[in-house]
Amino acid sequence: GAEPVAGDVMAPGLGLADGDRRHLAAVSL
């Protein structure tokens, strides 16, 4: 159930890839 995402905390929107951004919609924690 864990959904680790990789990004860049200094990039706009945390630099999240589109696929990771879609997964985040269901994140509760």
PDB file of all heavy atoms in Angstrom:
ATOM      1  N   GLY A   1       0.797  -1.216   0.000  1.00  0.00           N
ATOM      2  CA  GLY A   1       0.000   0.000   0.000  1.00  0.00           C
ATOM      3  C   GLY A   1       0.829   1.264   0.000  1.00  0.00           C
ATOM      4  O   GLY A   1       0.321   2.342  -0.265  1.00  0.00           O
ATOM      5  N   ALA A   2       2.119   1.144   0.317  1.00  0.00           N
ATOM      6  CA  ALA A   2       2.987   2.323   0.292  1.00  0.00           C
ATOM      7  C   ALA A   2       3.202   2.738  -1.150  1.00  0.00           C
ATOM      8  O   ALA A   2       3.332   1.911  -2.039  1.00  0.00           O
ATOM      9  CB  ALA A   2       4.336   2.002   0.944  1.00  0.00           C
ATOM     10  N   GLU A   3       3.232   4.034  -1.367  1.00  0.00           N
ATOM     11  CA  GLU A   3       3.449   4.582  -2.704  1.00  0.00           C
ATOM     12  C   GLU A   3       4.617   5.546  -2.670  1.00  0.00           C
ATOM     13  O   GLU A   3       4.434   6.760  -2.638  1.00  0.00           O
ATOM     14  CB  GLU A   3       2.187   5.315  -3.194  1.00  0.00           C
ATOM     15  CG  GLU A   3       1.023   4.425  -3.505  1.00  0.00           C
ATOM     16  CD  GLU A   3       1.195   3.671  -4.802  1.00  0.00           C
ATOM     17  OE1 GLU A   3       2.045   4.058  -5.635  1.00  0.00           O
ATOM     18  OE2 GLU A   3       0.474   2.683  -4.991  1.00  0.00           O
ATOM     19  N   PRO A   4       5.842   5.025  -2.636  1.00  0.00           N
ATOM     20  CA  PRO A   4       6.980   5.950  -2.633  1.00  0.00           C
ATOM     21  C   PRO A   4       7.070   6.698  -3.956  1.00  0.00           C
ATOM     22  O   PRO A   4       6.802   6.116  -5.012  1.00  0.00           O
ATOM     23  CB  PRO A   4       8.188   5.031  -2.441  1.00  0.00           C
ATOM     24  CG  PRO A   4       7.729   3.701  -2.940  1.00  0.00           C
ATOM     25  CD  PRO A   4       6.252   3.635  -2.683  1.00  0.00           C
ATOM     26  N   VAL A   5       7.376   7.972  -3.880  1.00  0.00           N
ATOM     27  CA  VAL A   5       7.528   8.766  -5.093  1.00  0.00           C
ATOM     28  C   VAL A   5       8.887   9.450  -5.075  1.00  0.00           C
ATOM     29  O   VAL A   5       9.401   9.797  -4.028  1.00  0.00           O
ATOM     30  CB  VAL A   5       6.404   9.811  -5.259  1.00  0.00           C
ATOM     31  CG1 VAL A   5       5.058   9.134  -5.460  1.00  0.00           C
ATOM     32  CG2 VAL A   5       6.347  10.767  -4.099  1.00  0.00           C
ATOM     33  N   ALA A   6       9.439   9.599  -6.235  1.00  0.00           N
ATOM     34  CA  ALA A   6      10.712  10.298  -6.380  1.00  0.00           C
ATOM     35  C   ALA A   6      10.440  11.643  -7.035  1.00  0.00           C
ATOM     36  O   ALA A   6       9.565  11.755  -7.899  1.00  0.00           O
ATOM     37  CB  ALA A   6      11.673   9.472  -7.237  1.00  0.00           C
ATOM     38  N   GLY A   7      11.160  12.629  -6.592  1.00  0.00           N
ATOM     39  CA  GLY A   7      10.992  13.948  -7.174  1.00  0.00           C
ATOM     40  C   GLY A   7      12.165  14.824  -6.798  1.00  0.00           C
ATOM     41  O   GLY A   7      13.234  14.335  -6.439  1.00  0.00           O
ATOM     42  N   ASP A   8      11.944  16.101  -6.860  1.00  0.00           N
ATOM     43  CA  ASP A   8      12.957  17.087  -6.528  1.00  0.00           C
ATOM     44  C   ASP A   8      12.266  18.165  -5.703  1.00  0.00           C
ATOM     45  O   ASP A   8      11.444  18.918  -6.230  1.00  0.00           O
ATOM     46  CB  ASP A   8      13.549  17.669  -7.804  1.00  0.00           C
ATOM     47  CG  ASP A   8      14.605  18.736  -7.545  1.00  0.00           C
ATOM     48  OD1 ASP A   8      14.753  19.194  -6.386  1.00  0.00           O
ATOM     49  OD2 ASP A   8      15.283  19.131  -8.498  1.00  0.00           O
ATOM     50  N   VAL A   9      12.577  18.218  -4.421  1.00  0.00           N
ATOM     51  CA  VAL A   9      11.870  19.138  -3.535  1.00  0.00           C
ATOM     52  C   VAL A   9      12.097  20.603  -3.894  1.00  0.00           C
ATOM     53  O   VAL A   9      11.365  21.468  -3.427  1.00  0.00           O
ATOM     54  CB  VAL A   9      12.220  18.893  -2.050  1.00  0.00           C
ATOM     55  CG1 VAL A   9      11.733  17.528  -1.604  1.00  0.00           C
ATOM     56  CG2 VAL A   9      13.695  19.082  -1.790  1.00  0.00           C
ATOM     57  N   MET A  10      13.067  20.884  -4.728  1.00  0.00           N
ATOM     58  CA  MET A  10      13.309  22.264  -5.129  1.00  0.00           C
ATOM     59  C   MET A  10      12.715  22.597  -6.503  1.00  0.00           C
ATOM     60  O   MET A  10      12.796  23.723  -6.957  1.00  0.00           O
ATOM     61  CB  MET A  10      14.809  22.567  -5.114  1.00  0.00           C
ATOM     62  CG  MET A  10      15.412  22.489  -3.704  1.00  0.00           C
ATOM     63  SD  MET A  10      14.577  23.518  -2.476  1.00  0.00           S
ATOM     64  CE  MET A  10      15.110  25.141  -2.976  1.00  0.00           C
ATOM     65  N   ALA A  11      12.101  21.617  -7.146  1.00  0.00           N
ATOM     66  CA  ALA A  11      11.482  21.848  -8.452  1.00  0.00           C
ATOM     67  C   ALA A  11      10.009  22.206  -8.259  1.00  0.00           C
ATOM     68  O   ALA A  11       9.386  21.795  -7.275  1.00  0.00           O
ATOM     69  CB  ALA A  11      11.613  20.594  -9.320  1.00  0.00           C
ATOM     70  N   PRO A  12       9.437  22.951  -9.197  1.00  0.00           N
ATOM     71  CA  PRO A  12       8.008  23.257  -9.103  1.00  0.00           C
ATOM     72  C   PRO A  12       7.186  21.973  -8.977  1.00  0.00           C
ATOM     73  O   PRO A  12       7.456  20.993  -9.669  1.00  0.00           O
ATOM     74  CB  PRO A  12       7.713  23.972 -10.425  1.00  0.00           C
ATOM     75  CG  PRO A  12       9.037  24.546 -10.845  1.00  0.00           C
ATOM     76  CD  PRO A  12      10.063  23.547 -10.376  1.00  0.00           C
ATOM     77  N   GLY A  13       6.210  21.983  -8.073  1.00  0.00           N
ATOM     78  CA  GLY A  13       5.367  20.809  -7.878  1.00  0.00           C
ATOM     79  C   GLY A  13       6.135  19.593  -7.394  1.00  0.00           C
ATOM     80  O   GLY A  13       5.706  18.463  -7.575  1.00  0.00           O
ATOM     81  N   LEU A  14       7.270  19.817  -6.787  1.00  0.00           N
ATOM     82  CA  LEU A  14       8.180  18.780  -6.289  1.00  0.00           C
ATOM     83  C   LEU A  14       8.805  17.942  -7.395  1.00  0.00           C
ATOM     84  O   LEU A  14       9.400  16.914  -7.134  1.00  0.00           O
ATOM     85  CB  LEU A  14       7.490  17.858  -5.275  1.00  0.00           C
ATOM     86  CG  LEU A  14       6.915  18.531  -4.033  1.00  0.00           C
ATOM     87  CD1 LEU A  14       6.295  17.493  -3.116  1.00  0.00           C
ATOM     88  CD2 LEU A  14       7.975  19.335  -3.305  1.00  0.00           C
ATOM     89  N   GLY A  15       8.671  18.374  -8.634  1.00  0.00           N
ATOM     90  CA  GLY A  15       9.287  17.643  -9.744  1.00  0.00           C
ATOM     91  C   GLY A  15       8.713  16.258  -9.930  1.00  0.00           C
ATOM     92  O   GLY A  15       9.396  15.357 -10.429  1.00  0.00           O
ATOM     93  N   LEU A  16       7.462  16.060  -9.550  1.00  0.00           N
ATOM     94  CA  LEU A  16       6.847  14.734  -9.639  1.00  0.00           C
ATOM     95  C   LEU A  16       6.498  14.376 -11.078  1.00  0.00           C
ATOM     96  O   LEU A  16       5.988  15.211 -11.830  1.00  0.00           O
ATOM     97  CB  LEU A  16       5.583  14.678  -8.782  1.00  0.00           C
ATOM     98  CG  LEU A  16       5.808  14.855  -7.293  1.00  0.00           C
ATOM     99  CD1 LEU A  16       4.473  15.024  -6.581  1.00  0.00           C
ATOM    100  CD2 LEU A  16       6.576  13.674  -6.728  1.00  0.00           C
ATOM    101  N   ALA A  17       6.748  13.140 -11.439  1.00  0.00           N
ATOM    102  CA  ALA A  17       6.357  12.638 -12.754  1.00  0.00           C
ATOM    103  C   ALA A  17       4.833  12.525 -12.800  1.00  0.00           C
ATOM    104  O   ALA A  17       4.177  12.369 -11.766  1.00  0.00           O
ATOM    105  CB  ALA A  17       6.996  11.267 -13.005  1.00  0.00           C
ATOM    106  N   ASP A  18       4.266  12.584 -13.990  1.00  0.00           N
ATOM    107  CA  ASP A  18       2.811  12.520 -14.137  1.00  0.00           C
ATOM    108  C   ASP A  18       2.219  11.272 -13.498  1.00  0.00           C
ATOM    109  O   ASP A  18       1.186  11.338 -12.834  1.00  0.00           O
ATOM    110  CB  ASP A  18       2.415  12.575 -15.619  1.00  0.00           C
ATOM    111  CG  ASP A  18       2.649  13.954 -16.222  1.00  0.00           C
ATOM    112  OD1 ASP A  18       2.739  14.942 -15.455  1.00  0.00           O
ATOM    113  OD2 ASP A  18       2.740  14.037 -17.464  1.00  0.00           O
ATOM    114  N   GLY A  19       2.888  10.131 -13.657  1.00  0.00           N
ATOM    115  CA  GLY A  19       2.384   8.888 -13.076  1.00  0.00           C
ATOM    116  C   GLY A  19       2.346   8.955 -11.555  1.00  0.00           C
ATOM    117  O   GLY A  19       1.380   8.513 -10.925  1.00  0.00           O
ATOM    118  N   ASP A  20       3.389   9.523 -10.956  1.00  0.00           N
ATOM    119  CA  ASP A  20       3.408   9.666  -9.499  1.00  0.00           C
ATOM    120  C   ASP A  20       2.344  10.654  -9.036  1.00  0.00           C
ATOM    121  O   ASP A  20       1.680  10.440  -8.022  1.00  0.00           O
ATOM    122  CB  ASP A  20       4.782  10.121  -9.018  1.00  0.00           C
ATOM    123  CG  ASP A  20       5.807   8.995  -9.038  1.00  0.00           C
ATOM    124  OD1 ASP A  20       5.395   7.820  -8.968  1.00  0.00           O
ATOM    125  OD2 ASP A  20       7.005   9.293  -9.126  1.00  0.00           O
ATOM    126  N   ARG A  21       2.158  11.708  -9.782  1.00  0.00           N
ATOM    127  CA  ARG A  21       1.144  12.707  -9.422  1.00  0.00           C
ATOM    128  C   ARG A  21      -0.252  12.070  -9.414  1.00  0.00           C
ATOM    129  O   ARG A  21      -1.065  12.344  -8.533  1.00  0.00           O
ATOM    130  CB  ARG A  21       1.198  13.879 -10.398  1.00  0.00           C
ATOM    131  CG  ARG A  21       0.371  15.054  -9.975  1.00  0.00           C
ATOM    132  CD  ARG A  21       0.578  16.249 -10.891  1.00  0.00           C
ATOM    133  NE  ARG A  21       1.947  16.708 -10.927  1.00  0.00           N
ATOM    134  CZ  ARG A  21       2.556  17.399  -9.962  1.00  0.00           C
ATOM    135  NH1 ARG A  21       1.919  17.670  -8.867  1.00  0.00           N
ATOM    136  NH2 ARG A  21       3.792  17.790 -10.089  1.00  0.00           N
ATOM    137  N   ARG A  22      -0.531  11.187 -10.396  1.00  0.00           N
ATOM    138  CA  ARG A  22      -1.828  10.495 -10.431  1.00  0.00           C
ATOM    139  C   ARG A  22      -1.998   9.603  -9.212  1.00  0.00           C
ATOM    140  O   ARG A  22      -3.076   9.543  -8.632  1.00  0.00           O
ATOM    141  CB  ARG A  22      -1.968   9.684 -11.720  1.00  0.00           C
ATOM    142  CG  ARG A  22      -2.297  10.543 -12.941  1.00  0.00           C
ATOM    143  CD  ARG A  22      -2.700   9.698 -14.135  1.00  0.00           C
ATOM    144  NE  ARG A  22      -1.624   8.830 -14.624  1.00  0.00           N
ATOM    145  CZ  ARG A  22      -0.667   9.227 -15.455  1.00  0.00           C
ATOM    146  NH1 ARG A  22      -0.637  10.472 -15.879  1.00  0.00           N
ATOM    147  NH2 ARG A  22       0.263   8.390 -15.856  1.00  0.00           N
ATOM    148  N   HIS A  23      -0.937   8.910  -8.812  1.00  0.00           N
ATOM    149  CA  HIS A  23      -1.010   8.046  -7.621  1.00  0.00           C
ATOM    150  C   HIS A  23      -1.303   8.852  -6.359  1.00  0.00           C
ATOM    151  O   HIS A  23      -1.967   8.362  -5.443  1.00  0.00           O
ATOM    152  CB  HIS A  23       0.296   7.276  -7.418  1.00  0.00           C
ATOM    153  CG  HIS A  23       0.466   6.115  -8.329  1.00  0.00           C
ATOM    154  ND1 HIS A  23      -0.402   5.061  -8.353  1.00  0.00           N
ATOM    155  CD2 HIS A  23       1.417   5.846  -9.246  1.00  0.00           C
ATOM    156  CE1 HIS A  23      -0.001   4.189  -9.253  1.00  0.00           C
ATOM    157  NE2 HIS A  23       1.102   4.643  -9.808  1.00  0.00           N
ATOM    158  N   LEU A  24      -0.812  10.064  -6.301  1.00  0.00           N
ATOM    159  CA  LEU A  24      -0.970  10.864  -5.095  1.00  0.00           C
ATOM    160  C   LEU A  24      -2.422  11.217  -4.788  1.00  0.00           C
ATOM    161  O   LEU A  24      -2.761  11.465  -3.629  1.00  0.00           O
ATOM    162  CB  LEU A  24      -0.156  12.159  -5.198  1.00  0.00           C
ATOM    163  CG  LEU A  24       1.354  12.003  -5.123  1.00  0.00           C
ATOM    164  CD1 LEU A  24       2.030  13.364  -5.267  1.00  0.00           C
ATOM    165  CD2 LEU A  24       1.782  11.338  -3.840  1.00  0.00           C
ATOM    166  N   ALA A  25      -3.281  11.211  -5.792  1.00  0.00           N
ATOM    167  CA  ALA A  25      -4.682  11.561  -5.562  1.00  0.00           C
ATOM    168  C   ALA A  25      -5.332  10.648  -4.528  1.00  0.00           C
ATOM    169  O   ALA A  25      -6.246  11.055  -3.813  1.00  0.00           O
ATOM    170  CB  ALA A  25      -5.457  11.519  -6.875  1.00  0.00           C
ATOM    171  N   ALA A  26      -4.846   9.421  -4.396  1.00  0.00           N
ATOM    172  CA  ALA A  26      -5.427   8.464  -3.456  1.00  0.00           C
ATOM    173  C   ALA A  26      -4.686   8.411  -2.122  1.00  0.00           C
ATOM    174  O   ALA A  26      -5.065   7.649  -1.235  1.00  0.00           O
ATOM    175  CB  ALA A  26      -5.433   7.076  -4.088  1.00  0.00           C
ATOM    176  N   VAL A  27      -3.668   9.221  -1.943  1.00  0.00           N
ATOM    177  CA  VAL A  27      -2.850   9.168  -0.732  1.00  0.00           C
ATOM    178  C   VAL A  27      -3.603   9.756   0.459  1.00  0.00           C
ATOM    179  O   VAL A  27      -4.211  10.823   0.366  1.00  0.00           O
ATOM    180  CB  VAL A  27      -1.519   9.931  -0.956  1.00  0.00           C
ATOM    181  CG1 VAL A  27      -0.808  10.208   0.350  1.00  0.00           C
ATOM    182  CG2 VAL A  27      -0.637   9.145  -1.899  1.00  0.00           C
ATOM    183  N   SER A  28      -3.549   9.033   1.577  1.00  0.00           N
ATOM    184  CA  SER A  28      -4.173   9.545   2.800  1.00  0.00           C
ATOM    185  C   SER A  28      -3.119   9.942   3.846  1.00  0.00           C
ATOM    186  O   SER A  28      -3.413  10.695   4.755  1.00  0.00           O
ATOM    187  CB  SER A  28      -5.119   8.504   3.392  1.00  0.00           C
ATOM    188  OG  SER A  28      -4.415   7.319   3.698  1.00  0.00           O
ATOM    189  N   LEU A  29      -1.926   9.425   3.727  1.00  0.00           N
ATOM    190  CA  LEU A  29      -0.834   9.732   4.655  1.00  0.00           C
ATOM    191  C   LEU A  29       0.417  10.032   3.850  1.00  0.00           C
ATOM    192  O   LEU A  29       0.801   9.252   2.978  1.00  0.00           O
ATOM    193  CB  LEU A  29      -0.560   8.537   5.577  1.00  0.00           C
ATOM    194  CG  LEU A  29       0.707   8.606   6.435  1.00  0.00           C
ATOM    195  CD1 LEU A  29       0.617   9.739   7.440  1.00  0.00           C
ATOM    196  CD2 LEU A  29       0.947   7.285   7.131  1.00  0.00           C
TER     197      LEU A  29
END
